[in-house]
Protein backbone atom coordinates (compact mmCIF):
# COMPACT_ATOMS: atom_id res chain seq x y z
CA MET A 1 74.65 -115.82 -30.31
CA GLU A 2 73.09 -113.68 -27.59
CA GLU A 3 73.09 -109.91 -27.96
CA PHE A 4 76.00 -109.41 -25.58
CA GLN A 5 78.10 -111.92 -27.53
CA ILE A 6 78.23 -109.94 -30.78
CA LYS A 7 80.67 -107.26 -29.61
CA ALA A 8 83.56 -108.42 -31.76
CA ALA A 9 81.31 -108.80 -34.81
CA ALA A 10 79.79 -105.35 -34.27
CA ILE A 11 83.22 -103.72 -34.04
CA THR A 12 84.57 -105.70 -36.98
CA GLU A 13 81.67 -104.91 -39.29
CA SER A 14 81.42 -101.24 -38.36
CA SER A 15 82.60 -98.67 -40.90
CA PHE A 16 84.91 -97.01 -38.37
CA GLY A 17 88.63 -97.63 -38.22
CA GLU A 18 88.86 -96.53 -34.58
CA VAL A 19 86.18 -97.63 -32.14
CA LEU A 20 85.35 -97.01 -28.51
CA TYR A 21 82.85 -99.74 -27.72
CA LEU A 22 80.61 -99.31 -24.66
CA ASP A 23 78.04 -101.66 -23.18
CA SER A 24 74.56 -100.16 -22.98
CA ASP A 25 74.79 -100.03 -19.16
CA ASN A 26 78.18 -98.28 -19.20
CA ILE A 27 78.06 -94.56 -18.37
CA PRO A 28 80.96 -92.25 -19.39
CA LEU A 29 81.90 -89.97 -16.50
CA SER A 30 83.76 -87.49 -18.71
CA ASP A 31 84.18 -86.87 -22.43
CA PRO A 32 85.28 -90.30 -23.73
CA SER A 33 86.54 -88.90 -27.04
CA ILE A 34 89.72 -87.73 -25.30
CA LEU A 35 90.81 -91.37 -25.09
CA PHE A 36 91.55 -91.38 -28.83
CA ASP A 37 94.27 -88.76 -28.25
CA GLU A 38 95.87 -90.28 -25.17
CA PRO A 39 99.57 -91.15 -25.67
CA LEU A 40 99.11 -94.54 -24.02
CA TYR A 41 96.70 -95.40 -26.82
CA ARG A 42 98.22 -93.59 -29.78
CA ASN A 43 101.83 -94.62 -29.14
CA GLY A 44 101.12 -98.31 -28.58
CA PRO A 45 99.40 -101.17 -30.40
CA ARG A 46 96.19 -99.12 -30.35
CA ALA A 47 94.17 -101.63 -28.42
CA VAL A 48 93.35 -100.73 -24.81
CA PHE A 49 91.62 -103.25 -22.57
CA TRP A 50 90.37 -102.58 -19.03
CA PRO A 51 90.84 -105.09 -16.18
CA ASP A 52 88.24 -107.28 -14.52
CA PHE A 53 88.33 -108.23 -10.83
CA ASN A 54 89.98 -111.62 -11.39
CA LYS A 55 93.17 -113.13 -12.77
CA ASP A 56 93.60 -116.22 -14.90
CA HIS A 57 93.93 -119.67 -13.38
CA PRO A 58 97.22 -121.40 -14.27
CA ARG A 59 95.39 -124.70 -14.89
CA ASN A 60 93.12 -123.21 -17.54
CA ALA A 61 93.51 -125.27 -20.71
CA ILE A 62 93.53 -122.07 -22.79
CA TRP A 63 97.29 -121.80 -22.27
CA ARG A 64 97.84 -125.12 -24.04
CA VAL A 65 95.30 -124.29 -26.73
CA LEU A 66 97.00 -120.99 -27.58
CA GLY A 67 100.55 -122.14 -26.89
CA VAL A 68 101.31 -119.31 -24.47
CA VAL A 69 102.64 -119.30 -20.92
CA CYS A 70 100.33 -118.32 -18.07
CA ASP A 71 101.30 -114.87 -16.81
CA TYR A 72 99.83 -114.12 -13.40
CA ASN A 73 100.49 -110.42 -13.89
CA ARG A 74 97.61 -110.31 -16.36
CA TRP A 75 94.04 -109.52 -15.40
CA GLU A 76 90.99 -110.94 -17.06
CA LEU A 77 89.36 -108.47 -19.45
CA GLU A 78 86.26 -106.45 -18.56
CA SER A 79 84.76 -105.74 -21.95
CA GLY A 80 82.20 -103.13 -20.95
CA GLN A 81 84.55 -100.75 -22.73
CA ILE A 82 87.05 -101.48 -25.52
CA LEU A 83 89.24 -98.94 -27.29
CA ILE A 84 90.72 -100.21 -30.54
CA ASP A 85 92.09 -99.12 -33.91
CA LYS A 86 91.65 -101.84 -36.52
CA ARG A 87 94.83 -100.58 -38.19
CA GLY A 88 96.93 -101.05 -35.05
CA ASN A 89 99.66 -103.68 -34.84
CA GLY A 90 100.30 -103.20 -38.55
CA GLY A 91 96.66 -103.90 -39.38
CA LEU A 92 96.55 -107.14 -37.42
CA ASN A 93 94.15 -105.75 -34.81
CA LEU A 94 91.44 -106.35 -37.40
CA ALA A 95 92.62 -109.93 -37.78
CA ALA A 96 92.40 -110.36 -34.00
CA LEU A 97 88.82 -109.13 -34.09
CA HIS A 98 88.00 -111.76 -36.70
CA VAL A 99 89.54 -114.41 -34.44
CA ALA A 100 87.38 -113.16 -31.56
CA VAL A 101 84.32 -113.44 -33.82
CA HIS A 102 85.29 -117.04 -34.59
CA MET A 103 85.63 -117.80 -30.87
CA ALA A 104 82.16 -116.37 -30.25
CA HIS A 105 80.74 -118.65 -32.95
CA GLU A 106 82.56 -121.58 -31.32
CA GLN A 107 81.44 -120.58 -27.84
CA SER A 108 80.58 -124.15 -26.81
CA PHE A 109 84.35 -124.67 -26.65
CA TYR A 110 85.93 -121.29 -25.89
CA TYR A 111 83.42 -120.12 -23.31
CA MET A 112 84.25 -123.17 -21.19
CA LEU A 113 87.77 -121.72 -20.91
CA SER A 114 86.78 -118.14 -20.20
CA GLY A 115 84.39 -115.79 -18.47
CA GLY A 116 82.34 -115.58 -21.65
CA ASP A 117 82.79 -113.35 -24.66
CA LYS A 118 84.87 -110.82 -22.73
CA ASP A 119 88.02 -112.90 -22.64
CA THR A 120 87.97 -113.88 -26.31
CA PHE A 121 89.47 -110.49 -27.16
CA ARG A 122 92.60 -111.25 -25.14
CA TYR A 123 92.70 -114.80 -26.41
CA ALA A 124 92.54 -113.54 -30.00
CA PHE A 125 95.47 -111.19 -29.46
CA TRP A 126 97.50 -113.93 -27.81
CA ALA A 127 96.69 -116.40 -30.58
CA LEU A 128 98.27 -113.99 -33.09
CA GLY A 129 101.16 -113.01 -30.84
CA LEU A 130 99.96 -109.40 -30.63
CA ASP A 131 100.42 -106.88 -27.85
CA TYR A 132 97.67 -104.78 -26.32
CA THR A 133 97.73 -102.01 -23.73
CA PRO A 134 96.20 -102.72 -20.32
CA ALA A 135 94.61 -99.76 -18.52
CA PRO A 136 97.00 -98.72 -15.74
CA ARG A 137 94.62 -98.61 -12.76
CA TRP A 138 92.64 -101.47 -11.27
CA LEU A 139 88.91 -100.98 -11.08
CA SER A 140 86.82 -100.04 -8.05
CA SER A 141 83.30 -101.05 -7.07
CA LEU A 142 80.50 -98.45 -7.03
CA GLY A 143 77.43 -98.82 -4.85
CA SER A 144 76.11 -98.20 -1.34
CA GLU A 145 75.53 -99.97 1.96
CA THR A 146 72.63 -102.33 2.53
CA GLY A 147 72.11 -104.03 5.85
CA GLY A 148 75.41 -102.59 7.08
CA ARG A 149 77.35 -104.22 4.24
CA PHE A 150 78.81 -102.72 1.08
CA CYS A 151 76.77 -103.56 -2.03
CA GLY A 152 78.54 -102.82 -5.28
CA VAL A 153 76.31 -102.61 -8.35
CA GLY A 154 78.83 -101.24 -10.83
CA MET A 155 82.43 -101.38 -11.96
CA LEU A 156 84.25 -98.06 -11.78
CA GLN A 157 86.90 -97.99 -14.50
CA TYR A 158 89.60 -95.34 -14.83
CA GLY A 159 91.14 -93.28 -17.60
CA ILE A 160 94.53 -93.96 -19.15
CA SER A 161 96.34 -90.69 -18.40
CA GLU A 162 98.16 -89.88 -15.17
CA PRO A 163 96.72 -89.73 -12.62
CA PRO A 164 93.94 -92.06 -13.80
CA LYS A 165 90.57 -90.55 -12.89
CA PRO A 166 87.13 -92.22 -13.00
CA GLN A 167 86.17 -92.62 -16.66
CA PHE A 168 83.36 -95.19 -16.84
CA ALA A 169 80.68 -96.46 -14.47
CA HIS A 170 79.76 -99.88 -15.84
CA LEU A 171 76.57 -100.66 -13.92
CA ASN A 172 76.62 -104.37 -14.65
CA LEU A 173 74.80 -105.57 -11.52
CA LEU A 174 72.22 -102.79 -11.32
CA LYS A 175 69.83 -104.77 -13.50
CA HIS A 176 69.70 -107.40 -10.75
CA THR A 177 69.03 -104.85 -8.00
CA PHE A 178 65.65 -104.07 -6.45
CA ARG A 179 66.55 -101.60 -3.71
CA ALA A 180 65.33 -98.22 -2.61
CA LYS A 181 67.45 -95.23 -3.52
CA PRO A 182 70.11 -94.07 -2.96
CA VAL A 183 72.01 -96.65 -4.96
CA PHE A 184 75.30 -94.80 -5.56
CA THR A 185 76.78 -93.38 -2.35
CA MET A 186 80.28 -94.85 -2.03
CA THR A 187 83.10 -96.66 -3.75
CA GLN A 188 85.21 -99.56 -2.60
CA ARG A 189 88.75 -100.09 -3.84
CA ALA A 190 92.19 -101.41 -3.00
CA ALA A 191 94.43 -98.86 -1.28
CA ILE A 192 97.20 -99.75 -3.74
CA ASP A 193 95.36 -100.11 -7.04
CA ILE A 194 98.05 -99.78 -9.69
CA ALA A 195 97.01 -102.60 -11.99
CA ASP A 196 100.43 -104.27 -12.20
CA SER A 197 101.03 -104.25 -8.42
CA ARG A 198 101.40 -107.73 -6.97
CA LEU A 199 99.78 -106.42 -3.79
CA LEU A 200 96.51 -106.83 -5.67
CA ASP A 201 97.04 -110.60 -5.68
CA ARG A 202 95.50 -110.65 -2.20
CA MET A 203 92.29 -108.97 -3.36
CA THR A 204 89.17 -110.98 -4.08
CA VAL A 205 85.62 -110.07 -5.05
CA ASN A 206 82.64 -111.67 -3.39
CA VAL A 207 79.25 -111.59 -5.13
CA TYR A 208 76.37 -112.15 -2.72
CA THR A 209 72.59 -111.83 -2.47
CA PRO A 210 71.43 -109.28 0.13
CA ALA A 211 68.23 -109.60 2.14
CA THR A 212 66.59 -107.16 -0.27
CA GLY A 213 67.34 -109.50 -3.20
CA GLY A 214 69.41 -108.97 -6.30
CA MET A 215 73.19 -109.17 -6.53
CA CYS A 216 75.95 -107.22 -4.79
CA ALA A 217 79.73 -107.22 -5.18
CA GLU A 218 82.20 -106.42 -2.43
CA ILE A 219 85.98 -106.30 -2.54
CA LYS A 220 87.72 -108.39 0.11
CA ILE A 221 91.36 -108.90 1.05
CA ASP A 222 93.27 -111.90 2.30
CA GLU A 223 95.58 -110.91 5.18
CA PRO A 224 95.10 -107.12 5.31
CA GLY A 225 98.09 -105.12 6.48
CA PRO A 226 99.73 -101.71 6.32
CA ASP A 227 100.88 -102.37 2.75
CA GLN A 228 97.39 -103.17 1.40
CA LYS A 229 93.80 -102.79 2.55
CA VAL A 230 90.25 -102.14 1.32
CA VAL A 231 89.23 -98.48 1.25
CA GLN A 232 85.66 -97.14 1.16
CA GLU A 233 85.16 -93.56 0.00
CA SER A 234 82.16 -91.29 -0.40
CA TRP A 235 80.81 -90.89 -3.93
CA THR A 236 78.46 -88.05 -3.01
CA ASP A 237 80.92 -85.46 -1.68
CA GLY A 238 82.91 -84.69 -4.83
CA GLU A 239 82.46 -84.01 -8.51
CA PHE A 240 80.07 -86.96 -8.95
CA SER A 241 77.63 -85.89 -6.23
CA ALA A 242 74.86 -85.41 -8.81
CA PHE A 243 75.50 -88.70 -10.61
CA GLU A 244 72.53 -90.58 -9.16
CA SER A 245 69.99 -87.83 -9.76
CA MET A 246 71.19 -87.36 -13.33
CA TYR A 247 71.21 -91.11 -13.97
CA PHE A 248 67.58 -91.60 -13.01
CA LYS A 249 66.46 -88.26 -14.45
CA HIS A 250 67.69 -89.23 -17.90
CA GLY A 251 66.09 -92.66 -18.03
CA GLY A 252 68.36 -94.85 -15.95
CA THR A 253 66.65 -97.78 -14.26
CA SER A 254 67.40 -100.48 -11.71
CA GLY A 255 66.01 -103.99 -11.73
CA GLY A 256 65.08 -105.99 -14.80
CA TRP A 257 66.76 -106.18 -18.20
């Protein structure tokens, strides 16, 4: 397995009962330890997953493999951050992690039905008939403009208390980016971004290669209207105005692995 495919095994084999897993390119924007005390986590199955930009396809064979019905209200999982208590769901959260480890070992089959290792966590919970808690706010894209076009290089994920505020900046595309600074100047999001809103069904994400090279993500909408649209907001005017300078000052890089 590749390094990024051992998440489930790393969590399973760790000595901790409760784990907040973060990818190495995922930057907490506030104290992440508060998540362990959030009611949405503590009062539920004690497994919180954050959404990705896409939803499942109803023709995916995984539904037949797992014996579950496709639910278009569900988002794919973005596993740059995972909050889990192995003792949750009566101790079966640990069993689900073992199932996810098995799926990673059998990736030649399961990865054909998923976006890689990230979705095996959901699949494992579904296979055992277990609930998990989805984060309540859909993610935004973090980046800047290049050539007059928005270029997102990171996923902005939100906390799980009301109102959900920015919690993690998962800079998943920054390693593909070779651009002059500034890199983080604005965000792009859906105007209505409550994760279970069906207005998000019209949102899509386009990944493109700019003239400067690398990879950029931009949020698009089919049939924009007064009920839903794409919003771009400044990242440099508020509490995160110093994010870029701190990121590069403390060893952050762009381009290359």
